[in-house]
Amino acid sequence: MRIGELARRTNVSERSLRYYEKQGMLSAERTPGGHREYPEVAVDRVIRIQELFAAGLCSEKIVQLLPCMRDTDGGPSVVATPKLVADLTAERARIDRMIADLVRSRDTLDEVIDAARLS
C-alpha cells in the first residue's frame, strides 16, 4: 500500500510515517517511480509505534524495542537483551509514578469540587 493509504488506515500523518521510516521504526520498498510501498503488516507496526509513544517511550527506545516484538501479538522475542528489559522495567516504573501522580491530582480536584459544591 502507498503512504497515503497507510496514513488513512492508521490515522497517522504521512509526515509521521516518513519520520518513523527515517528513525528505522518502519520500512518500505520503493517502486521504480520512487513511491513508498508498505506491506500489510505495516498497519500493525504503526499502531504498535503509536501505542509505545502513548506510553511515553521516546523514538530511540522504540527503535530498540520493535525488533523484540511480534507485530501481531506484541509478545517477547529472543532478541530482547537484559539491558533492554531493565530499561523497559524502568520505563514502566516511570509510568506507574505518573499514574500515581495523576490519581493524587484527581483526588485533590475531587476534594475541591466537593468543597465548592457545599459552599
PDB file of N, CA and C in Angstrom:
ATOM      1  N   MET A   1       0.853  -1.174   0.000  1.00  0.00           N
ATOM      2  CA  MET A   1       0.000   0.000   0.000  1.00  0.00           C
ATOM      3  C   MET A   1       0.893   1.228   0.000  1.00  0.00           C
ATOM      4  N   ARG A   2       0.389   2.286  -0.532  1.00  0.00           N
ATOM      5  CA  ARG A   2       1.139   3.541  -0.581  1.00  0.00           C
ATOM      6  C   ARG A   2       1.003   4.285   0.750  1.00  0.00           C
ATOM      7  N   ILE A   3       1.825   5.297   0.916  1.00  0.00           N
ATOM      8  CA  ILE A   3       1.893   6.023   2.180  1.00  0.00           C
ATOM      9  C   ILE A   3       0.550   6.669   2.549  1.00  0.00           C
ATOM     10  N   GLY A   4      -0.173   7.176   1.559  1.00  0.00           N
ATOM     11  CA  GLY A   4      -1.464   7.799   1.842  1.00  0.00           C
ATOM     12  C   GLY A   4      -2.471   6.823   2.419  1.00  0.00           C
ATOM     13  N   GLU A   5      -2.486   5.607   1.880  1.00  0.00           N
ATOM     14  CA  GLU A   5      -3.402   4.598   2.403  1.00  0.00           C
ATOM     15  C   GLU A   5      -3.006   4.176   3.812  1.00  0.00           C
ATOM     16  N   LEU A   6      -1.706   4.008   4.050  1.00  0.00           N
ATOM     17  CA  LEU A   6      -1.251   3.650   5.393  1.00  0.00           C
ATOM     18  C   LEU A   6      -1.609   4.752   6.380  1.00  0.00           C
ATOM     19  N   ALA A   7      -1.446   5.992   5.971  1.00  0.00           N
ATOM     20  CA  ALA A   7      -1.814   7.115   6.834  1.00  0.00           C
ATOM     21  C   ALA A   7      -3.308   7.085   7.146  1.00  0.00           C
ATOM     22  N   ARG A   8      -4.113   6.841   6.135  1.00  0.00           N
ATOM     23  CA  ARG A   8      -5.568   6.799   6.326  1.00  0.00           C
ATOM     24  C   ARG A   8      -5.971   5.646   7.245  1.00  0.00           C
ATOM     25  N   ARG A   9      -5.388   4.473   7.027  1.00  0.00           N
ATOM     26  CA  ARG A   9      -5.777   3.290   7.794  1.00  0.00           C
ATOM     27  C   ARG A   9      -5.315   3.336   9.241  1.00  0.00           C
ATOM     28  N   THR A  10      -4.273   4.103   9.527  1.00  0.00           N
ATOM     29  CA  THR A  10      -3.745   4.173  10.892  1.00  0.00           C
ATOM     30  C   THR A  10      -4.042   5.496  11.578  1.00  0.00           C
ATOM     31  N   ASN A  11      -4.602   6.443  10.818  1.00  0.00           N
ATOM     32  CA  ASN A  11      -4.879   7.785  11.335  1.00  0.00           C
ATOM     33  C   ASN A  11      -3.594   8.467  11.822  1.00  0.00           C
ATOM     34  N   VAL A  12      -2.518   8.250  11.085  1.00  0.00           N
ATOM     35  CA  VAL A  12      -1.219   8.845  11.377  1.00  0.00           C
ATOM     36  C   VAL A  12      -0.811   9.635  10.139  1.00  0.00           C
ATOM     37  N   SER A  13      -0.259  10.807  10.338  1.00  0.00           N
ATOM     38  CA  SER A  13       0.087  11.653   9.197  1.00  0.00           C
ATOM     39  C   SER A  13       1.206  11.035   8.358  1.00  0.00           C
ATOM     40  N   GLU A  14       1.215  11.402   7.092  1.00  0.00           N
ATOM     41  CA  GLU A  14       2.284  10.948   6.201  1.00  0.00           C
ATOM     42  C   GLU A  14       3.636  11.443   6.715  1.00  0.00           C
ATOM     43  N   ARG A  15       3.651  12.625   7.255  1.00  0.00           N
ATOM     44  CA  ARG A  15       4.892  13.176   7.813  1.00  0.00           C
ATOM     45  C   ARG A  15       5.415  12.281   8.934  1.00  0.00           C
ATOM     46  N   SER A  16       4.526  11.840   9.810  1.00  0.00           N
ATOM     47  CA  SER A  16       4.940  10.941  10.898  1.00  0.00           C
ATOM     48  C   SER A  16       5.451   9.621  10.356  1.00  0.00           C
ATOM     49  N   LEU A  17       4.790   9.092   9.332  1.00  0.00           N
ATOM     50  CA  LEU A  17       5.234   7.836   8.731  1.00  0.00           C
ATOM     51  C   LEU A  17       6.642   7.975   8.139  1.00  0.00           C
ATOM     52  N   ARG A  18       6.901   9.108   7.507  1.00  0.00           N
ATOM     53  CA  ARG A  18       8.249   9.343   6.972  1.00  0.00           C
ATOM     54  C   ARG A  18       9.269   9.422   8.106  1.00  0.00           C
ATOM     55  N   TYR A  19       8.873  10.058   9.200  1.00  0.00           N
ATOM     56  CA  TYR A  19       9.747  10.143  10.376  1.00  0.00           C
ATOM     57  C   TYR A  19      10.031   8.748  10.920  1.00  0.00           C
ATOM     58  N   TYR A  20       8.994   7.914  11.040  1.00  0.00           N
ATOM     59  CA  TYR A  20       9.188   6.550  11.532  1.00  0.00           C
ATOM     60  C   TYR A  20      10.175   5.798  10.647  1.00  0.00           C
ATOM     61  N   GLU A  21      10.047   6.007   9.351  1.00  0.00           N
ATOM     62  CA  GLU A  21      10.953   5.340   8.416  1.00  0.00           C
ATOM     63  C   GLU A  21      12.385   5.861   8.594  1.00  0.00           C
ATOM     64  N   LYS A  22      12.529   7.163   8.713  1.00  0.00           N
ATOM     65  CA  LYS A  22      13.854   7.765   8.891  1.00  0.00           C
ATOM     66  C   LYS A  22      14.522   7.274  10.169  1.00  0.00           C
ATOM     67  N   GLN A  23      13.727   7.057  11.215  1.00  0.00           N
ATOM     68  CA  GLN A  23      14.256   6.603  12.504  1.00  0.00           C
ATOM     69  C   GLN A  23      14.518   5.094  12.543  1.00  0.00           C
ATOM     70  N   GLY A  24      14.070   4.378  11.519  1.00  0.00           N
ATOM     71  CA  GLY A  24      14.280   2.935  11.468  1.00  0.00           C
ATOM     72  C   GLY A  24      13.181   2.116  12.133  1.00  0.00           C
ATOM     73  N   MET A  25      12.042   2.756  12.409  1.00  0.00           N
ATOM     74  CA  MET A  25      10.928   2.055  13.042  1.00  0.00           C
ATOM     75  C   MET A  25      10.003   1.398  12.025  1.00  0.00           C
ATOM     76  N   LEU A  26      10.085   1.822  10.778  1.00  0.00           N
ATOM     77  CA  LEU A  26       9.183   1.370   9.732  1.00  0.00           C
ATOM     78  C   LEU A  26       9.983   1.303   8.442  1.00  0.00           C
ATOM     79  N   SER A  27       9.676   0.334   7.619  1.00  0.00           N
ATOM     80  CA  SER A  27      10.392   0.245   6.347  1.00  0.00           C
ATOM     81  C   SER A  27       9.401   0.080   5.204  1.00  0.00           C
ATOM     82  N   ALA A  28       9.846   0.539   4.046  1.00  0.00           N
ATOM     83  CA  ALA A  28       9.020   0.452   2.842  1.00  0.00           C
ATOM     84  C   ALA A  28       9.918   0.114   1.665  1.00  0.00           C
ATOM     85  N   GLU A  29       9.348  -0.580   0.729  1.00  0.00           N
ATOM     86  CA  GLU A  29      10.035  -0.812  -0.544  1.00  0.00           C
ATOM     87  C   GLU A  29       9.769   0.410  -1.416  1.00  0.00           C
ATOM     88  N   ARG A  30      10.588   0.607  -2.412  1.00  0.00           N
ATOM     89  CA  ARG A  30      10.379   1.710  -3.349  1.00  0.00           C
ATOM     90  C   ARG A  30      10.000   1.148  -4.713  1.00  0.00           C
ATOM     91  N   THR A  31       9.017   1.769  -5.316  1.00  0.00           N
ATOM     92  CA  THR A  31       8.637   1.386  -6.678  1.00  0.00           C
ATOM     93  C   THR A  31       9.676   1.963  -7.639  1.00  0.00           C
ATOM     94  N   PRO A  32       9.684   1.507  -8.885  1.00  0.00           N
ATOM     95  CA  PRO A  32      10.615   2.109  -9.863  1.00  0.00           C
ATOM     96  C   PRO A  32      10.431   3.624  -9.972  1.00  0.00           C
ATOM     97  N   GLY A  33       9.233   4.098  -9.703  1.00  0.00           N
ATOM     98  CA  GLY A  33       8.961   5.534  -9.740  1.00  0.00           C
ATOM     99  C   GLY A  33       9.335   6.254  -8.455  1.00  0.00           C
ATOM    100  N   GLY A  34       9.823   5.523  -7.462  1.00  0.00           N
ATOM    101  CA  GLY A  34      10.260   6.138  -6.211  1.00  0.00           C
ATOM    102  C   GLY A  34       9.200   6.231  -5.127  1.00  0.00           C
ATOM    103  N   HIS A  35       8.010   5.680  -5.372  1.00  0.00           N
ATOM    104  CA  HIS A  35       6.947   5.729  -4.366  1.00  0.00           C
ATOM    105  C   HIS A  35       7.181   4.660  -3.297  1.00  0.00           C
ATOM    106  N   ARG A  36       6.810   4.993  -2.073  1.00  0.00           N
ATOM    107  CA  ARG A  36       6.898   4.025  -0.989  1.00  0.00           C
ATOM    108  C   ARG A  36       5.768   3.005  -1.131  1.00  0.00           C
ATOM    109  N   GLU A  37       6.103   1.748  -0.915  1.00  0.00           N
ATOM    110  CA  GLU A  37       5.113   0.663  -0.884  1.00  0.00           C
ATOM    111  C   GLU A  37       5.296  -0.081   0.435  1.00  0.00           C
ATOM    112  N   TYR A  38       4.246  -0.075   1.254  1.00  0.00           N
ATOM    113  CA  TYR A  38       4.296  -0.720   2.566  1.00  0.00           C
ATOM    114  C   TYR A  38       3.562  -2.056   2.520  1.00  0.00           C
ATOM    115  N   PRO A  39       4.070  -3.048   3.228  1.00  0.00           N
ATOM    116  CA  PRO A  39       3.351  -4.321   3.313  1.00  0.00           C
ATOM    117  C   PRO A  39       2.153  -4.180   4.259  1.00  0.00           C
ATOM    118  N   GLU A  40       1.249  -5.118   4.203  1.00  0.00           N
ATOM    119  CA  GLU A  40       0.056  -5.098   5.051  1.00  0.00           C
ATOM    120  C   GLU A  40       0.413  -5.034   6.545  1.00  0.00           C
ATOM    121  N   VAL A  41       1.497  -5.701   6.944  1.00  0.00           N
ATOM    122  CA  VAL A  41       1.886  -5.721   8.362  1.00  0.00           C
ATOM    123  C   VAL A  41       2.298  -4.338   8.860  1.00  0.00           C
ATOM    124  N   ALA A  42       2.510  -3.385   7.956  1.00  0.00           N
ATOM    125  CA  ALA A  42       2.877  -2.031   8.377  1.00  0.00           C
ATOM    126  C   ALA A  42       1.769  -1.385   9.199  1.00  0.00           C
ATOM    127  N   VAL A  43       0.525  -1.773   8.948  1.00  0.00           N
ATOM    128  CA  VAL A  43      -0.590  -1.219   9.731  1.00  0.00           C
ATOM    129  C   VAL A  43      -0.404  -1.579  11.205  1.00  0.00           C
ATOM    130  N   ASP A  44      -0.148  -2.855  11.492  1.00  0.00           N
ATOM    131  CA  ASP A  44       0.080  -3.278  12.879  1.00  0.00           C
ATOM    132  C   ASP A  44       1.310  -2.601  13.464  1.00  0.00           C
ATOM    133  N   ARG A  45       2.359  -2.456  12.658  1.00  0.00           N
ATOM    134  CA  ARG A  45       3.593  -1.827  13.132  1.00  0.00           C
ATOM    135  C   ARG A  45       3.338  -0.384  13.531  1.00  0.00           C
ATOM    136  N   VAL A  46       2.615   0.369  12.713  1.00  0.00           N
ATOM    137  CA  VAL A  46       2.341   1.773  13.019  1.00  0.00           C
ATOM    138  C   VAL A  46       1.471   1.887  14.272  1.00  0.00           C
ATOM    139  N   ILE A  47       0.497   1.029  14.397  1.00  0.00           N
ATOM    140  CA  ILE A  47      -0.350   1.038  15.599  1.00  0.00           C
ATOM    141  C   ILE A  47       0.493   0.755  16.831  1.00  0.00           C
ATOM    142  N   ARG A  48       1.398  -0.207  16.741  1.00  0.00           N
ATOM    143  CA  ARG A  48       2.288  -0.539  17.857  1.00  0.00           C
ATOM    144  C   ARG A  48       3.177   0.665  18.197  1.00  0.00           C
ATOM    145  N   ILE A  49       3.711   1.326  17.180  1.00  0.00           N
ATOM    146  CA  ILE A  49       4.548   2.505  17.413  1.00  0.00           C
ATOM    147  C   ILE A  49       3.748   3.577  18.147  1.00  0.00           C
ATOM    148  N   GLN A  50       2.528   3.802  17.709  1.00  0.00           N
ATOM    149  CA  GLN A  50       1.677   4.798  18.362  1.00  0.00           C
ATOM    150  C   GLN A  50       1.410   4.438  19.822  1.00  0.00           C
ATOM    151  N   GLU A  51       1.168   3.166  20.089  1.00  0.00           N
ATOM    152  CA  GLU A  51       0.951   2.719  21.470  1.00  0.00           C
ATOM    153  C   GLU A  51       2.184   2.969  22.330  1.00  0.00           C
ATOM    154  N   LEU A  52       3.352   2.717  21.773  1.00  0.00           N
ATOM    155  CA  LEU A  52       4.590   2.918  22.525  1.00  0.00           C
ATOM    156  C   LEU A  52       4.858   4.392  22.774  1.00  0.00           C
ATOM    157  N   PHE A  53       4.583   5.241  21.783  1.00  0.00           N
ATOM    158  CA  PHE A  53       4.695   6.681  22.009  1.00  0.00           C
ATOM    159  C   PHE A  53       3.703   7.123  23.082  1.00  0.00           C
ATOM    160  N   ALA A  54       2.493   6.621  23.028  1.00  0.00           N
ATOM    161  CA  ALA A  54       1.465   6.983  24.016  1.00  0.00           C
ATOM    162  C   ALA A  54       1.874   6.548  25.423  1.00  0.00           C
ATOM    163  N   ALA A  55       2.647   5.473  25.512  1.00  0.00           N
ATOM    164  CA  ALA A  55       3.130   5.001  26.808  1.00  0.00           C
ATOM    165  C   ALA A  55       4.285   5.854  27.332  1.00  0.00           C
ATOM    166  N   GLY A  56       4.745   6.806  26.506  1.00  0.00           N
ATOM    167  CA  GLY A  56       5.783   7.717  26.952  1.00  0.00           C
ATOM    168  C   GLY A  56       7.188   7.347  26.513  1.00  0.00           C
ATOM    169  N   LEU A  57       7.325   6.338  25.673  1.00  0.00           N
ATOM    170  CA  LEU A  57       8.654   5.971  25.204  1.00  0.00           C
ATOM    171  C   LEU A  57       9.107   6.911  24.100  1.00  0.00           C
ATOM    172  N   CYS A  58      10.404   7.181  24.065  1.00  0.00           N
ATOM    173  CA  CYS A  58      10.955   8.031  23.009  1.00  0.00           C
ATOM    174  C   CYS A  58      11.279   7.162  21.792  1.00  0.00           C
ATOM    175  N   SER A  59      11.491   7.825  20.657  1.00  0.00           N
ATOM    176  CA  SER A  59      11.730   7.079  19.414  1.00  0.00           C
ATOM    177  C   SER A  59      12.980   6.212  19.507  1.00  0.00           C
ATOM    178  N   GLU A  60      14.006   6.676  20.199  1.00  0.00           N
ATOM    179  CA  GLU A  60      15.233   5.881  20.346  1.00  0.00           C
ATOM    180  C   GLU A  60      14.954   4.554  21.043  1.00  0.00           C
ATOM    181  N   LYS A  61      14.135   4.598  22.092  1.00  0.00           N
ATOM    182  CA  LYS A  61      13.786   3.379  22.829  1.00  0.00           C
ATOM    183  C   LYS A  61      12.884   2.481  21.981  1.00  0.00           C
ATOM    184  N   ILE A  62      11.976   3.085  21.237  1.00  0.00           N
ATOM    185  CA  ILE A  62      11.081   2.310  20.380  1.00  0.00           C
ATOM    186  C   ILE A  62      11.871   1.564  19.311  1.00  0.00           C
ATOM    187  N   VAL A  63      12.872   2.219  18.745  1.00  0.00           N
ATOM    188  CA  VAL A  63      13.716   1.559  17.741  1.00  0.00           C
ATOM    189  C   VAL A  63      14.371   0.314  18.331  1.00  0.00           C
ATOM    190  N   GLN A  64      14.816   0.402  19.582  1.00  0.00           N
ATOM    191  CA  GLN A  64      15.428  -0.753  20.250  1.00  0.00           C
ATOM    192  C   GLN A  64      14.405  -1.837  20.552  1.00  0.00           C
ATOM    193  N   LEU A  65      13.206  -1.415  20.876  1.00  0.00           N
ATOM    194  CA  LEU A  65      12.177  -2.341  21.324  1.00  0.00           C
ATOM    195  C   LEU A  65      11.499  -3.101  20.193  1.00  0.00           C
ATOM    196  N   LEU A  66      11.258  -2.446  19.079  1.00  0.00           N
ATOM    197  CA  LEU A  66      10.484  -3.065  17.997  1.00  0.00           C
ATOM    198  C   LEU A  66      11.026  -4.411  17.515  1.00  0.00           C
ATOM    199  N   PRO A  67      12.336  -4.583  17.371  1.00  0.00           N
ATOM    200  CA  PRO A  67      12.803  -5.903  16.927  1.00  0.00           C
ATOM    201  C   PRO A  67      12.502  -7.017  17.932  1.00  0.00           C
ATOM    202  N   CYS A  68      12.185  -6.640  19.153  1.00  0.00           N
ATOM    203  CA  CYS A  68      11.896  -7.619  20.207  1.00  0.00           C
ATOM    204  C   CYS A  68      10.421  -7.980  20.278  1.00  0.00           C
ATOM    205  N   MET A  69       9.620  -7.398  19.421  1.00  0.00           N
ATOM    206  CA  MET A  69       8.179  -7.604  19.475  1.00  0.00           C
ATOM    207  C   MET A  69       7.681  -8.215  18.180  1.00  0.00           C
ATOM    208  N   ARG A  70       6.654  -9.018  18.308  1.00  0.00           N
ATOM    209  CA  ARG A  70       5.939  -9.504  17.128  1.00  0.00           C
ATOM    210  C   ARG A  70       4.774  -8.548  16.918  1.00  0.00           C
ATOM    211  N   ASP A  71       4.608  -8.063  15.713  1.00  0.00           N
ATOM    212  CA  ASP A  71       3.580  -7.058  15.451  1.00  0.00           C
ATOM    213  C   ASP A  71       2.170  -7.534  15.761  1.00  0.00           C
ATOM    214  N   THR A  72       1.884  -8.797  15.509  1.00  0.00           N
ATOM    215  CA  THR A  72       0.506  -9.250  15.669  1.00  0.00           C
ATOM    216  C   THR A  72       0.108  -9.459  17.119  1.00  0.00           C
ATOM    217  N   ASP A  73       1.049  -9.876  17.974  1.00  0.00           N
ATOM    218  CA  ASP A  73       0.645 -10.114  19.357  1.00  0.00           C
ATOM    219  C   ASP A  73       1.493  -9.373  20.387  1.00  0.00           C
ATOM    220  N   GLY A  74       2.559  -8.715  19.953  1.00  0.00           N
ATOM    221  CA  GLY A  74       3.370  -7.943  20.886  1.00  0.00           C
ATOM    222  C   GLY A  74       4.171  -8.778  21.849  1.00  0.00           C
ATOM    223  N   GLY A  75       4.266 -10.083  21.628  1.00  0.00           N
ATOM    224  CA  GLY A  75       4.990 -10.960  22.542  1.00  0.00           C
ATOM    225  C   GLY A  75       6.484 -10.750  22.482  1.00  0.00           C
ATOM    226  N   PRO A  76       7.188 -11.218  23.512  1.00  0.00           N
ATOM    227  CA  PRO A  76       8.637 -11.048  23.549  1.00  0.00           C
ATOM    228  C   PRO A  76       9.333 -11.913  22.506  1.00  0.00           C
ATOM    229  N   SER A  77      10.516 -11.518  22.168  1.00  0.00           N
ATOM    230  CA  SER A  77      11.315 -12.217  21.181  1.00  0.00           C
ATOM    231  C   SER A  77      12.676 -12.541  21.776  1.00  0.00           C
ATOM    232  N   VAL A  78      13.397 -13.404  21.136  1.00  0.00           N
ATOM    233  CA  VAL A  78      14.706 -13.808  21.649  1.00  0.00           C
ATOM    234  C   VAL A  78      15.742 -12.701  21.562  1.00  0.00           C
ATOM    235  N   VAL A  79      15.489 -11.610  20.840  1.00  0.00           N
ATOM    236  CA  VAL A  79      16.471 -10.548  20.724  1.00  0.00           C
ATOM    237  C   VAL A  79      16.387  -9.515  21.848  1.00  0.00           C
ATOM    238  N   ALA A  80      15.510  -9.701  22.800  1.00  0.00           N
ATOM    239  CA  ALA A  80      15.416  -8.782  23.932  1.00  0.00           C
ATOM    240  C   ALA A  80      16.641  -8.994  24.826  1.00  0.00           C
ATOM    241  N   THR A  81      17.421  -7.938  25.008  1.00  0.00           N
ATOM    242  CA  THR A  81      18.627  -8.034  25.820  1.00  0.00           C
ATOM    243  C   THR A  81      18.292  -7.728  27.280  1.00  0.00           C
ATOM    244  N   PRO A  82      19.124  -8.180  28.211  1.00  0.00           N
ATOM    245  CA  PRO A  82      18.888  -7.833  29.618  1.00  0.00           C
ATOM    246  C   PRO A  82      18.857  -6.318  29.853  1.00  0.00           C
ATOM    247  N   LYS A  83      19.708  -5.568  29.133  1.00  0.00           N
ATOM    248  CA  LYS A  83      19.695  -4.114  29.288  1.00  0.00           C
ATOM    249  C   LYS A  83      18.368  -3.523  28.821  1.00  0.00           C
ATOM    250  N   LEU A  84      17.852  -4.008  27.694  1.00  0.00           N
ATOM    251  CA  LEU A  84      16.577  -3.503  27.198  1.00  0.00           C
ATOM    252  C   LEU A  84      15.473  -3.830  28.190  1.00  0.00           C
ATOM    253  N   VAL A  85      15.478  -5.032  28.737  1.00  0.00           N
ATOM    254  CA  VAL A  85      14.470  -5.407  29.737  1.00  0.00           C
ATOM    255  C   VAL A  85      14.570  -4.484  30.941  1.00  0.00           C
ATOM    256  N   ALA A  86      15.789  -4.188  31.386  1.00  0.00           N
ATOM    257  CA  ALA A  86      15.974  -3.278  32.524  1.00  0.00           C
ATOM    258  C   ALA A  86      15.475  -1.877  32.180  1.00  0.00           C
ATOM    259  N   ASP A  87      15.791  -1.397  30.974  1.00  0.00           N
ATOM    260  CA  ASP A  87      15.327  -0.074  30.548  1.00  0.00           C
ATOM    261  C   ASP A  87      13.806  -0.017  30.497  1.00  0.00           C
ATOM    262  N   LEU A  88      13.198  -1.054  29.969  1.00  0.00           N
ATOM    263  CA  LEU A  88      11.738  -1.074  29.867  1.00  0.00           C
ATOM    264  C   LEU A  88      11.091  -1.194  31.243  1.00  0.00           C
ATOM    265  N   THR A  89      11.718  -1.922  32.135  1.00  0.00           N
ATOM    266  CA  THR A  89      11.219  -2.012  33.508  1.00  0.00           C
ATOM    267  C   THR A  89      11.255  -0.633  34.163  1.00  0.00           C
ATOM    268  N   ALA A  90      12.326   0.113  33.907  1.00  0.00           N
ATOM    269  CA  ALA A  90      12.422   1.483  34.435  1.00  0.00           C
ATOM    270  C   ALA A  90      11.352   2.378  33.815  1.00  0.00           C
ATOM    271  N   GLU A  91      11.095   2.219  32.522  1.00  0.00           N
ATOM    272  CA  GLU A  91      10.035   2.995  31.865  1.00  0.00           C
ATOM    273  C   GLU A  91       8.684   2.688  32.493  1.00  0.00           C
ATOM    274  N   ARG A  92       8.443   1.400  32.767  1.00  0.00           N
ATOM    275  CA  ARG A  92       7.174   1.017  33.390  1.00  0.00           C
ATOM    276  C   ARG A  92       7.038   1.637  34.771  1.00  0.00           C
ATOM    277  N   ALA A  93       8.120   1.646  35.520  1.00  0.00           N
ATOM    278  CA  ALA A  93       8.090   2.267  36.850  1.00  0.00           C
ATOM    279  C   ALA A  93       7.800   3.759  36.735  1.00  0.00           C
ATOM    280  N   ARG A  94       8.377   4.416  35.723  1.00  0.00           N
ATOM    281  CA  ARG A  94       8.114   5.832  35.494  1.00  0.00           C
ATOM    282  C   ARG A  94       6.633   6.064  35.189  1.00  0.00           C
ATOM    283  N   ILE A  95       6.064   5.206  34.363  1.00  0.00           N
ATOM    284  CA  ILE A  95       4.638   5.314  34.029  1.00  0.00           C
ATOM    285  C   ILE A  95       3.790   5.093  35.274  1.00  0.00           C
ATOM    286  N   ASP A  96       4.163   4.121  36.102  1.00  0.00           N
ATOM    287  CA  ASP A  96       3.430   3.883  37.352  1.00  0.00           C
ATOM    288  C   ASP A  96       3.456   5.117  38.246  1.00  0.00           C
ATOM    289  N   ARG A  97       4.617   5.795  38.312  1.00  0.00           N
ATOM    290  CA  ARG A  97       4.707   7.026  39.114  1.00  0.00           C
ATOM    291  C   ARG A  97       3.808   8.112  38.540  1.00  0.00           C
ATOM    292  N   MET A  98       3.778   8.222  37.213  1.00  0.00           N
ATOM    293  CA  MET A  98       2.912   9.219  36.577  1.00  0.00           C
ATOM    294  C   MET A  98       1.444   8.928  36.878  1.00  0.00           C
ATOM    295  N   ILE A  99       1.063   7.667  36.830  1.00  0.00           N
ATOM    296  CA  ILE A  99      -0.325   7.291  37.129  1.00  0.00           C
ATOM    297  C   ILE A  99      -0.657   7.660  38.564  1.00  0.00           C
ATOM    298  N   ALA A 100       0.245   7.351  39.492  1.00  0.00           N
ATOM    299  CA  ALA A 100       0.006   7.683  40.899  1.00  0.00           C
ATOM    300  C   ALA A 100      -0.133   9.192  41.080  1.00  0.00           C
ATOM    301  N   ASP A 101       0.704   9.969  40.391  1.00  0.00           N
ATOM    302  CA  ASP A 101       0.613  11.427  40.469  1.00  0.00           C
ATOM    303  C   ASP A 101      -0.721  11.922  39.919  1.00  0.00           C
ATOM    304  N   LEU A 102      -1.160  11.341  38.816  1.00  0.00           N
ATOM    305  CA  LEU A 102      -2.444  11.742  38.239  1.00  0.00           C
ATOM    306  C   LEU A 102      -3.607  11.390  39.158  1.00  0.00           C
ATOM    307  N   VAL A 103      -3.546  10.240  39.800  1.00  0.00           N
ATOM    308  CA  VAL A 103      -4.609   9.848  40.731  1.00  0.00           C
ATOM    309  C   VAL A 103      -4.655  10.828  41.899  1.00  0.00           C
ATOM    310  N   ARG A 104      -3.479  11.209  42.422  1.00  0.00           N
ATOM    311  CA  ARG A 104      -3.456  12.198  43.512  1.00  0.00           C
ATOM    312  C   ARG A 104      -4.038  13.534  43.049  1.00  0.00           C
ATOM    313  N   SER A 105      -3.686  13.946  41.849  1.00  0.00           N
ATOM    314  CA  SER A 105      -4.230  15.207  41.318  1.00  0.00           C
ATOM    315  C   SER A 105      -5.741  15.133  41.171  1.00  0.00           C
ATOM    316  N   ARG A 106      -6.226  14.004  40.665  1.00  0.00           N
ATOM    317  CA  ARG A 106      -7.671  13.834  40.512  1.00  0.00           C
ATOM    318  C   ARG A 106      -8.352  13.862  41.872  1.00  0.00           C
ATOM    319  N   ASP A 107      -7.763  13.206  42.857  1.00  0.00           N
ATOM    320  CA  ASP A 107      -8.344  13.189  44.202  1.00  0.00           C
ATOM    321  C   ASP A 107      -8.401  14.598  44.785  1.00  0.00           C
ATOM    322  N   THR A 108      -7.354  15.380  44.565  1.00  0.00           N
ATOM    323  CA  THR A 108      -7.339  16.761  45.041  1.00  0.00           C
ATOM    324  C   THR A 108      -8.432  17.575  44.357  1.00  0.00           C
ATOM    325  N   LEU A 109      -8.566  17.399  43.056  1.00  0.00           N
ATOM    326  CA  LEU A 109      -9.635  18.100  42.329  1.00  0.00           C
ATOM    327  C   LEU A 109     -11.008  17.689  42.844  1.00  0.00           C
ATOM    328  N   ASP A 110     -11.191  16.409  43.111  1.00  0.00           N
ATOM    329  CA  ASP A 110     -12.477  15.950  43.656  1.00  0.00           C
ATOM    330  C   ASP A 110     -12.781  16.632  44.985  1.00  0.00           C
ATOM    331  N   GLU A 111     -11.756  16.774  45.824  1.00  0.00           N
ATOM    332  CA  GLU A 111     -11.961  17.445  47.110  1.00  0.00           C
ATOM    333  C   GLU A 111     -12.353  18.902  46.911  1.00  0.00           C
ATOM    334  N   VAL A 112     -11.694  19.584  45.991  1.00  0.00           N
ATOM    335  CA  VAL A 112     -12.016  20.994  45.714  1.00  0.00           C
ATOM    336  C   VAL A 112     -13.424  21.120  45.145  1.00  0.00           C
ATOM    337  N   ILE A 113     -13.774  20.222  44.230  1.00  0.00           N
ATOM    338  CA  ILE A 113     -15.111  20.240  43.629  1.00  0.00           C
ATOM    339  C   ILE A 113     -16.171  19.990  44.706  1.00  0.00           C
ATOM    340  N   ASP A 114     -15.931  19.008  45.561  1.00  0.00           N
ATOM    341  CA  ASP A 114     -16.891  18.717  46.630  1.00  0.00           C
ATOM    342  C   ASP A 114     -17.041  19.899  47.578  1.00  0.00           C
ATOM    343  N   ALA A 115     -15.926  20.531  47.924  1.00  0.00           N
ATOM    344  CA  ALA A 115     -15.981  21.687  48.824  1.00  0.00           C
ATOM    345  C   ALA A 115     -16.720  22.841  48.159  1.00  0.00           C
ATOM    346  N   ALA A 116     -16.503  23.031  46.866  1.00  0.00           N
ATOM    347  CA  ALA A 116     -17.170  24.118  46.150  1.00  0.00           C
ATOM    348  C   ALA A 116     -18.678  23.875  46.066  1.00  0.00           C
ATOM    349  N   ARG A 117     -19.066  22.620  45.938  1.00  0.00           N
ATOM    350  CA  ARG A 117     -20.496  22.308  45.867  1.00  0.00           C
ATOM    351  C   ARG A 117     -21.193  22.562  47.187  1.00  0.00           C
ATOM    352  N   LEU A 118     -20.475  22.374  48.291  1.00  0.00           N
ATOM    353  CA  LEU A 118     -21.057  22.570  49.614  1.00  0.00           C
ATOM    354  C   LEU A 118     -21.159  24.059  49.991  1.00  0.00           C
ATOM    355  N   SER A 119     -20.432  24.888  49.271  1.00  0.00           N
ATOM    356  CA  SER A 119     -20.434  26.335  49.601  1.00  0.00           C
ATOM    357  C   SER A 119     -21.669  27.027  49.127  1.00  0.00           C
TER     358      SER A 119
END
